[in-house]
Amino acid sequence: MGWSTLVLSIDGFGGPRLILDGLMNLRRKLPHLPVILVSEEVRFHDFTTERMALCDVTIRAPISGPALELALAEAGANNLIWQARAAAMQQQDA
């Protein structure tokens, strides 16, 4: 059995700018894994596909229960879009 969702607090890693390569590598290797990033450095929750190359959802810490519930739901939906894009990119590279 694999993971169903990765919730990663990135502040301990130096924030999003310092771990960009690692996040992009994770997305390429595990496109089916919904990724939620948590940080005090972001200004607001982002449930859009704007950061899709890095994650499915970004939420601002501290996290409330309702925000986490919404993040989990949106991450799953956004990840389906990411999987389709990743598959299309692989076909283009082939």
Protein backbone atom coordinates (compact mmCIF):
# COMPACT_ATOMS: atom_id res chain seq x y z
CA MET A 1 0.00 0.00 0.00
CA GLY A 2 1.37 3.44 -0.93
CA TRP A 3 0.82 6.89 0.48
CA SER A 4 -2.45 8.57 -0.34
CA THR A 5 -1.37 12.21 0.23
CA LEU A 6 1.85 13.91 1.29
CA VAL A 7 1.46 16.89 3.63
CA LEU A 8 4.84 18.60 3.90
CA SER A 9 5.75 21.50 6.18
CA ILE A 10 8.43 23.22 4.16
CA ASP A 11 9.53 25.92 6.61
CA GLY A 12 12.05 23.58 8.23
CA PHE A 13 13.64 23.07 4.82
CA GLY A 14 14.19 26.77 4.28
CA GLY A 15 10.92 27.47 2.50
CA PRO A 16 9.78 26.83 -1.06
CA ARG A 17 12.62 28.60 -2.87
CA LEU A 18 15.29 26.36 -1.37
CA ILE A 19 13.56 23.06 -2.15
CA LEU A 20 12.21 23.73 -5.64
CA ASP A 21 14.37 21.10 -7.35
CA GLY A 22 13.47 18.42 -4.81
CA LEU A 23 9.76 19.13 -5.14
CA MET A 24 9.88 19.06 -8.93
CA ASN A 25 11.79 15.78 -8.84
CA LEU A 26 9.21 14.30 -6.46
CA ARG A 27 6.39 15.36 -8.81
CA ARG A 28 8.10 13.72 -11.80
CA LYS A 29 8.79 10.46 -9.95
CA LEU A 30 5.43 10.20 -8.16
CA PRO A 31 2.85 12.08 -10.25
CA HIS A 32 0.00 10.11 -8.66
CA LEU A 33 0.85 11.37 -5.14
CA PRO A 34 -1.17 14.45 -4.11
CA VAL A 35 1.18 16.95 -2.43
CA ILE A 36 0.10 19.62 0.05
CA LEU A 37 2.72 22.16 1.10
CA VAL A 38 2.38 23.96 4.42
CA SER A 39 4.26 27.17 5.22
CA GLU A 40 4.05 30.25 7.39
CA GLU A 41 5.81 32.14 4.59
CA VAL A 42 2.95 32.01 2.11
CA ARG A 43 0.46 34.87 2.33
CA PHE A 44 -2.70 32.81 1.81
CA HIS A 45 -4.02 29.34 1.07
CA ASP A 46 -3.72 28.44 -2.61
CA PHE A 47 -6.10 25.74 -3.81
CA THR A 48 -5.51 26.54 -7.51
CA THR A 49 -3.27 24.76 -9.99
CA GLU A 50 -0.86 27.73 -10.06
CA ARG A 51 1.99 25.80 -8.38
CA MET A 52 1.23 22.49 -10.06
CA ALA A 53 4.86 21.74 -10.96
CA LEU A 54 5.63 21.73 -7.22
CA CYS A 55 2.45 20.69 -5.44
CA ASP A 56 -1.31 20.34 -5.70
CA VAL A 57 -2.21 22.76 -2.88
CA THR A 58 -0.38 25.22 -0.62
CA ILE A 59 -1.77 26.16 2.77
CA ARG A 60 -0.64 28.77 5.25
CA ALA A 61 0.37 27.63 8.72
CA PRO A 62 -1.03 27.41 11.30
CA ILE A 63 -3.62 25.09 9.80
CA SER A 64 -7.26 25.00 10.82
CA GLY A 65 -9.36 21.85 10.54
CA PRO A 66 -11.61 23.26 7.80
CA ALA A 67 -8.58 24.44 5.79
CA LEU A 68 -7.01 20.99 6.01
CA GLU A 69 -10.25 19.30 4.92
CA LEU A 70 -10.53 21.61 1.91
CA ALA A 71 -6.84 21.15 1.11
CA LEU A 72 -7.20 17.36 1.08
CA ALA A 73 -10.21 17.51 -1.23
CA GLU A 74 -8.66 20.04 -3.62
CA ALA A 75 -5.30 18.26 -3.66
CA GLY A 76 -7.00 15.11 -4.91
CA ALA A 77 -8.86 16.98 -7.64
CA ASN A 78 -5.83 19.03 -8.69
CA ASN A 79 -3.66 15.92 -8.73
CA LEU A 80 -5.86 14.36 -11.40
CA ILE A 81 -5.12 17.41 -13.58
CA TRP A 82 -1.41 17.08 -12.80
CA GLN A 83 -1.44 13.38 -13.74
CA ALA A 84 -3.00 14.20 -17.12
CA ARG A 85 -0.40 16.91 -17.76
CA ALA A 86 2.46 14.66 -16.67
CA ALA A 87 1.25 11.91 -19.00
CA ALA A 88 1.00 14.38 -21.89
CA MET A 89 4.53 15.64 -21.20
CA GLN A 90 5.84 12.07 -21.21
CA GLN A 91 4.17 11.41 -24.57
CA GLN A 92 5.74 14.55 -26.02
CA ASP A 93 9.18 13.45 -24.82
CA ALA A 94 8.78 9.97 -26.33
